[in-house]
Amino acid sequence: MRHIAPAAAAAARPALRKRGLAVAGVIADWRKIVGPFLAESTAPEKLVAGRSLPEGGRDAGVLHLRVGSPALAPEIAHLAPQIIEKVNGYFGYRAVARLHILHAPVARPGNRPDSGAAPAPRDAAPEEKEAVRRQTAGVEDDGVRGALQRLGEAVAARQGGR
């Protein structure tokens, strides 16, 4: 058995580079970097690298930060030096010189263990599962048939209460 994390990071790298976040850990570790309070209401959008320096390095960049609540934006602006310090500490070098605050919703699906989470979905009834099995019986590939059955059962479970 092999760990999936290196392969997942390698697969995600091209998409994350488009956003300017070549290091996927910033997104994954945002809660650890800034703490739970800020992580609930902010999210890194992209990191724009600074200009190239004559000696070959790069100047520090700009972190574009989503802030979910307009009322929180002034507080985030006030805390910018501390946030920049924490992000630079995460990178281990001066990667960020300033923040650019974006007023946009911050989605946090499944990231709120202490909040009132949605109830667990119900399981499909035995008769619903059997109906899905009959409908997918003609699919020859075992993997495809299994995936279709799981999907059908999930749909049946969601629609069962209606």
Protein backbone atom coordinates (compact mmCIF):
# COMPACT_ATOMS: atom_id res chain seq x y z
CA MET A 1 0.00 0.00 0.00
CA ARG A 2 1.14 3.54 -0.77
CA HIS A 3 0.07 6.90 0.59
CA ILE A 4 -2.24 8.85 -1.70
CA ALA A 5 -1.20 12.33 -0.49
CA PRO A 6 1.86 12.72 -2.77
CA ALA A 7 -0.10 11.61 -5.82
CA ALA A 8 -3.04 13.88 -4.94
CA ALA A 9 -0.73 16.86 -4.43
CA ALA A 10 0.97 16.20 -7.76
CA ALA A 11 -2.38 15.91 -9.53
CA ALA A 12 -3.71 19.12 -7.96
CA ARG A 13 -0.55 21.18 -8.55
CA PRO A 14 -1.45 22.41 -12.11
CA ALA A 15 -4.90 23.59 -11.03
CA LEU A 16 -3.52 25.29 -7.93
CA ARG A 17 -0.79 27.05 -9.95
CA LYS A 18 -3.52 28.70 -12.00
CA ARG A 19 -4.80 30.22 -8.76
CA GLY A 20 -1.29 31.26 -7.80
CA LEU A 21 -1.11 28.83 -4.91
CA ALA A 22 1.70 26.54 -5.99
CA VAL A 23 1.79 25.16 -2.46
CA ALA A 24 -1.47 23.29 -1.92
CA GLY A 25 -0.79 23.19 1.81
CA VAL A 26 -1.87 26.81 2.23
CA ILE A 27 -5.42 25.85 1.37
CA ALA A 28 -5.36 22.57 3.24
CA ASP A 29 -3.66 24.03 6.32
CA TRP A 30 -5.45 27.39 6.41
CA ARG A 31 -7.10 26.59 9.75
CA LYS A 32 -3.70 25.69 11.26
CA ILE A 33 -2.07 28.80 9.83
CA VAL A 34 -4.54 31.45 11.02
CA GLY A 35 -6.52 29.65 13.71
CA PRO A 36 -10.17 28.55 13.87
CA PHE A 37 -11.75 31.99 14.27
CA LEU A 38 -10.22 33.47 11.11
CA ALA A 39 -10.47 30.20 9.19
CA GLU A 40 -14.25 30.14 9.61
CA SER A 41 -14.69 33.51 7.92
CA THR A 42 -11.72 33.75 5.53
CA ALA A 43 -10.12 31.65 2.79
CA PRO A 44 -7.06 32.17 0.61
CA GLU A 45 -8.11 32.87 -2.97
CA LYS A 46 -4.75 33.19 -4.71
CA LEU A 47 -1.18 34.24 -4.14
CA VAL A 48 0.22 36.61 -6.74
CA ALA A 49 4.00 36.42 -6.82
CA GLY A 50 5.97 39.62 -6.50
CA ARG A 51 8.10 41.07 -9.26
CA SER A 52 11.38 39.47 -10.27
CA LEU A 53 14.44 40.97 -8.66
CA PRO A 54 17.64 41.76 -10.58
CA GLU A 55 19.66 39.31 -8.47
CA GLY A 56 17.36 36.46 -9.55
CA GLY A 57 14.93 36.15 -6.64
CA ARG A 58 11.39 37.39 -6.28
CA ASP A 59 9.88 40.14 -4.21
CA ALA A 60 7.16 39.11 -1.74
CA GLY A 61 3.70 38.76 -3.25
CA VAL A 62 0.10 39.62 -2.53
CA LEU A 63 -2.27 37.17 -0.88
CA HIS A 64 -5.85 37.59 -2.10
CA LEU A 65 -8.05 36.66 0.82
CA ARG A 66 -11.79 35.99 0.72
CA VAL A 67 -13.69 37.49 3.65
CA GLY A 68 -17.22 36.20 4.03
CA SER A 69 -18.64 38.98 6.17
CA PRO A 70 -18.31 42.63 5.11
CA ALA A 71 -18.48 43.56 8.79
CA LEU A 72 -15.35 41.50 9.43
CA ALA A 73 -13.28 43.14 6.66
CA PRO A 74 -12.06 46.08 8.81
CA GLU A 75 -10.93 43.67 11.51
CA ILE A 76 -9.10 41.54 8.91
CA ALA A 77 -7.42 44.69 7.58
CA HIS A 78 -6.35 45.53 11.13
CA LEU A 79 -5.00 41.99 11.64
CA ALA A 80 -3.21 41.95 8.25
CA PRO A 81 0.32 42.21 9.71
CA GLN A 82 -0.31 39.22 11.99
CA ILE A 83 -1.90 37.18 9.17
CA ILE A 84 1.03 37.97 6.85
CA GLU A 85 3.46 36.97 9.59
CA LYS A 86 1.66 33.65 10.11
CA VAL A 87 1.56 32.87 6.37
CA ASN A 88 5.24 33.75 5.94
CA GLY A 89 6.05 31.59 8.96
CA TYR A 90 4.22 28.72 7.28
CA PHE A 91 6.26 29.15 4.08
CA GLY A 92 9.49 29.71 5.96
CA TYR A 93 10.37 32.79 3.94
CA ARG A 94 8.83 36.17 3.07
CA ALA A 95 6.27 34.99 0.49
CA VAL A 96 3.60 37.60 1.27
CA ALA A 97 4.07 41.35 1.63
CA ARG A 98 0.42 42.43 1.76
CA LEU A 99 -3.18 41.23 1.71
CA HIS A 100 -5.85 42.06 -0.81
CA ILE A 101 -9.28 41.58 0.76
CA LEU A 102 -12.09 40.22 -1.43
CA HIS A 103 -15.66 40.46 -0.18
CA ALA A 104 -16.98 37.05 -1.23
CA PRO A 105 -18.69 34.07 0.40
CA VAL A 106 -16.47 31.56 2.13
CA ALA A 107 -17.68 27.99 1.74
CA ARG A 108 -16.77 25.59 4.51
CA PRO A 109 -18.63 22.31 3.80
CA GLY A 110 -18.09 19.75 6.53
CA ASN A 111 -15.47 21.89 8.27
CA ARG A 112 -17.54 22.86 11.30
CA PRO A 113 -17.47 20.03 13.83
CA ASP A 114 -18.86 22.18 16.65
CA SER A 115 -21.74 23.71 14.69
CA GLY A 116 -25.15 22.24 14.00
CA ALA A 117 -24.23 19.99 11.12
CA ALA A 118 -26.81 18.61 8.74
CA PRO A 119 -28.29 15.30 9.79
CA ALA A 120 -26.73 12.18 8.30
CA PRO A 121 -28.48 11.05 5.12
CA ARG A 122 -30.80 8.12 5.49
CA ASP A 123 -29.95 4.77 3.95
CA ALA A 124 -31.99 3.53 0.98
CA ALA A 125 -34.75 1.07 1.88
CA PRO A 126 -34.18 -2.60 0.93
CA GLU A 127 -36.81 -2.41 -1.83
CA GLU A 128 -35.13 0.70 -3.25
CA LYS A 129 -31.75 -1.07 -3.25
CA GLU A 130 -33.27 -4.07 -5.03
CA ALA A 131 -34.86 -1.83 -7.67
CA VAL A 132 -31.47 -0.19 -8.32
CA ARG A 133 -29.81 -3.62 -8.60
CA ARG A 134 -32.41 -4.73 -11.18
CA GLN A 135 -31.88 -1.54 -13.20
CA THR A 136 -28.09 -1.95 -13.27
CA ALA A 137 -28.02 -5.73 -13.83
CA GLY A 138 -27.27 -5.34 -17.55
CA VAL A 139 -24.03 -3.41 -16.97
CA GLU A 140 -21.14 -5.79 -17.68
CA ASP A 141 -18.25 -3.96 -15.97
CA ASP A 142 -18.27 -4.71 -12.24
CA GLY A 143 -16.72 -1.36 -11.28
CA VAL A 144 -19.17 0.67 -13.36
CA ARG A 145 -22.11 -1.40 -12.14
CA GLY A 146 -21.03 -0.90 -8.50
CA ALA A 147 -20.63 2.84 -8.98
CA LEU A 148 -24.05 3.09 -10.63
CA GLN A 149 -25.61 1.10 -7.81
CA ARG A 150 -24.10 3.35 -5.15
CA LEU A 151 -25.28 6.42 -7.06
CA GLY A 152 -28.77 4.98 -7.54
CA GLU A 153 -29.03 4.07 -3.87
CA ALA A 154 -27.92 7.54 -2.82
CA VAL A 155 -30.50 9.16 -5.12
CA ALA A 156 -33.21 6.80 -3.88
CA ALA A 157 -32.29 7.58 -0.28
CA ARG A 158 -32.52 11.33 -0.89
CA GLN A 159 -35.86 11.07 -2.67
CA GLY A 160 -37.31 8.47 -0.31
CA GLY A 161 -38.75 11.00 2.13
CA ARG A 162 -40.61 12.88 -0.61
